[in-house]
Amino acid sequence: MMRKMPKMVHDDEDGNTLTIQPGAIETITWRFEGDEMVVFAFNIPGHFDAGMFKKIELK
């Protein structure tokens, strides 16, 4: 789907999102404090519902 929409970009100035080209590798580093659950998800409509997310428990 992303290949069909090559001009779609999700880069934000705050550094919380990143758009990369197919096959490319990029890195985002986040630091969390506490002991709660964090959910990482694609911010493209339908992706979360399709299971494209990850839950991580902070300890």
N, C-alpha and C. Protein backbone atom coordinates (compact mmCIF):
# COMPACT_ATOMS: atom_id res chain seq x y z
N MET A 1 0.82 -1.18 0.00
CA MET A 1 0.00 0.00 0.00
C MET A 1 0.87 1.26 0.00
N MET A 2 1.93 1.26 0.82
CA MET A 2 2.80 2.44 0.87
C MET A 2 3.49 2.69 -0.47
N ARG A 3 3.79 1.63 -1.20
CA ARG A 3 4.41 1.80 -2.52
C ARG A 3 3.47 2.50 -3.48
N LYS A 4 2.17 2.33 -3.27
CA LYS A 4 1.17 2.99 -4.12
C LYS A 4 1.02 4.46 -3.78
N MET A 5 1.52 4.87 -2.59
CA MET A 5 1.40 6.27 -2.14
C MET A 5 2.78 6.79 -1.73
N PRO A 6 3.72 6.89 -2.68
CA PRO A 6 5.09 7.25 -2.32
C PRO A 6 5.26 8.65 -1.74
N LYS A 7 4.30 9.53 -1.93
CA LYS A 7 4.44 10.90 -1.42
C LYS A 7 3.89 11.06 0.00
N MET A 8 3.28 10.00 0.56
CA MET A 8 2.76 10.07 1.92
C MET A 8 3.94 10.14 2.89
N VAL A 9 3.94 11.15 3.75
CA VAL A 9 5.03 11.35 4.70
C VAL A 9 4.46 11.54 6.08
N HIS A 10 5.12 10.95 7.09
CA HIS A 10 4.66 11.06 8.46
C HIS A 10 5.74 11.61 9.39
N ASP A 11 6.74 12.28 8.86
CA ASP A 11 7.78 12.86 9.71
C ASP A 11 7.22 14.06 10.46
N ASP A 12 7.41 14.09 11.75
CA ASP A 12 6.99 15.21 12.58
C ASP A 12 8.23 15.93 13.09
N GLU A 13 8.09 17.22 13.34
CA GLU A 13 9.21 17.99 13.85
C GLU A 13 9.64 17.56 15.24
N ASP A 14 8.75 16.94 16.01
CA ASP A 14 9.09 16.54 17.38
C ASP A 14 9.88 15.23 17.43
N GLY A 15 10.08 14.57 16.30
CA GLY A 15 10.89 13.37 16.26
C GLY A 15 10.20 12.10 16.71
N ASN A 16 8.88 12.12 16.85
CA ASN A 16 8.15 10.94 17.32
C ASN A 16 7.68 10.02 16.22
N THR A 17 7.73 10.47 14.98
CA THR A 17 7.36 9.61 13.86
C THR A 17 8.43 9.69 12.78
N LEU A 18 8.41 8.70 11.92
CA LEU A 18 9.43 8.62 10.89
C LEU A 18 8.88 7.86 9.69
N THR A 19 9.11 8.38 8.50
CA THR A 19 8.75 7.69 7.27
C THR A 19 10.03 7.22 6.61
N ILE A 20 10.07 5.93 6.25
CA ILE A 20 11.25 5.40 5.57
C ILE A 20 10.83 4.72 4.27
N GLN A 21 11.74 4.63 3.36
CA GLN A 21 11.48 3.98 2.07
C GLN A 21 11.54 2.47 2.25
N PRO A 22 10.83 1.71 1.42
CA PRO A 22 10.87 0.25 1.50
C PRO A 22 12.32 -0.26 1.45
N GLY A 23 12.68 -1.12 2.37
CA GLY A 23 14.02 -1.69 2.42
C GLY A 23 15.04 -0.85 3.16
N ALA A 24 14.68 0.38 3.52
CA ALA A 24 15.60 1.27 4.23
C ALA A 24 15.56 0.98 5.73
N ILE A 25 16.59 1.41 6.43
CA ILE A 25 16.67 1.25 7.89
C ILE A 25 16.90 2.61 8.51
N GLU A 26 16.11 2.95 9.51
CA GLU A 26 16.27 4.19 10.26
C GLU A 26 16.16 3.85 11.75
N THR A 27 16.52 4.79 12.61
CA THR A 27 16.47 4.57 14.05
C THR A 27 15.79 5.75 14.74
N ILE A 28 14.90 5.42 15.66
CA ILE A 28 14.32 6.40 16.58
C ILE A 28 14.64 5.89 17.98
N THR A 29 15.12 6.76 18.84
CA THR A 29 15.41 6.36 20.22
C THR A 29 14.46 7.13 21.14
N TRP A 30 13.71 6.37 21.94
CA TRP A 30 12.81 6.93 22.92
C TRP A 30 13.26 6.48 24.30
N ARG A 31 13.01 7.31 25.29
CA ARG A 31 13.30 6.93 26.67
C ARG A 31 12.00 7.06 27.47
N PHE A 32 11.65 5.99 28.15
CA PHE A 32 10.43 5.97 28.96
C PHE A 32 10.81 5.72 30.41
N GLU A 33 10.04 6.29 31.30
CA GLU A 33 10.22 6.06 32.73
C GLU A 33 8.90 5.59 33.30
N GLY A 34 8.96 4.74 34.30
CA GLY A 34 7.75 4.24 34.93
C GLY A 34 7.62 2.75 34.75
N ASP A 35 6.44 2.24 35.09
CA ASP A 35 6.22 0.80 35.00
C ASP A 35 4.90 0.49 34.30
N GLU A 36 4.59 1.26 33.31
CA GLU A 36 3.33 1.08 32.60
C GLU A 36 3.54 0.39 31.26
N MET A 37 2.45 0.13 30.58
CA MET A 37 2.47 -0.47 29.26
C MET A 37 2.60 0.65 28.22
N VAL A 38 3.45 0.45 27.22
CA VAL A 38 3.61 1.38 26.11
C VAL A 38 3.19 0.64 24.85
N VAL A 39 2.41 1.30 24.00
CA VAL A 39 1.97 0.68 22.75
C VAL A 39 2.57 1.48 21.59
N PHE A 40 3.31 0.79 20.74
CA PHE A 40 3.86 1.39 19.53
C PHE A 40 2.95 0.98 18.38
N ALA A 41 2.58 1.94 17.53
CA ALA A 41 1.67 1.61 16.44
C ALA A 41 1.92 2.51 15.24
N PHE A 42 1.55 1.99 14.07
CA PHE A 42 1.58 2.80 12.86
C PHE A 42 0.48 3.83 12.96
N ASN A 43 0.75 5.05 12.49
CA ASN A 43 -0.27 6.10 12.56
C ASN A 43 -1.01 6.25 11.24
N ILE A 44 -1.04 5.20 10.46
CA ILE A 44 -1.75 5.20 9.19
C ILE A 44 -3.09 4.49 9.41
N PRO A 45 -4.21 5.10 8.98
CA PRO A 45 -5.53 4.50 9.22
C PRO A 45 -5.59 3.04 8.80
N GLY A 46 -6.14 2.20 9.69
CA GLY A 46 -6.32 0.79 9.42
C GLY A 46 -5.17 -0.09 9.85
N HIS A 47 -3.98 0.47 10.06
CA HIS A 47 -2.83 -0.35 10.41
C HIS A 47 -2.96 -0.95 11.81
N PHE A 48 -3.40 -0.16 12.78
CA PHE A 48 -3.57 -0.67 14.15
C PHE A 48 -4.59 -1.81 14.15
N ASP A 49 -5.72 -1.59 13.48
CA ASP A 49 -6.77 -2.62 13.42
C ASP A 49 -6.29 -3.88 12.72
N ALA A 50 -5.29 -3.74 11.86
CA ALA A 50 -4.74 -4.90 11.16
C ALA A 50 -3.66 -5.61 11.98
N GLY A 51 -3.43 -5.12 13.21
CA GLY A 51 -2.47 -5.78 14.09
C GLY A 51 -1.05 -5.25 13.99
N MET A 52 -0.87 -4.11 13.35
CA MET A 52 0.47 -3.56 13.18
C MET A 52 0.82 -2.66 14.37
N PHE A 53 1.00 -3.28 15.54
CA PHE A 53 1.37 -2.59 16.75
C PHE A 53 2.14 -3.54 17.65
N LYS A 54 2.79 -2.99 18.66
CA LYS A 54 3.55 -3.78 19.63
C LYS A 54 3.35 -3.20 21.00
N LYS A 55 3.03 -4.04 21.98
CA LYS A 55 2.90 -3.61 23.37
C LYS A 55 4.17 -4.00 24.11
N ILE A 56 4.70 -3.07 24.89
CA ILE A 56 5.89 -3.31 25.69
C ILE A 56 5.62 -2.89 27.12
N GLU A 57 5.87 -3.78 28.06
CA GLU A 57 5.69 -3.47 29.48
C GLU A 57 6.98 -2.94 30.04
N LEU A 58 6.93 -1.73 30.61
CA LEU A 58 8.10 -1.13 31.24
C LEU A 58 8.26 -1.70 32.64
N LYS A 59 9.47 -2.03 33.00
CA LYS A 59 9.73 -2.58 34.34
C LYS A 59 10.84 -1.83 35.00
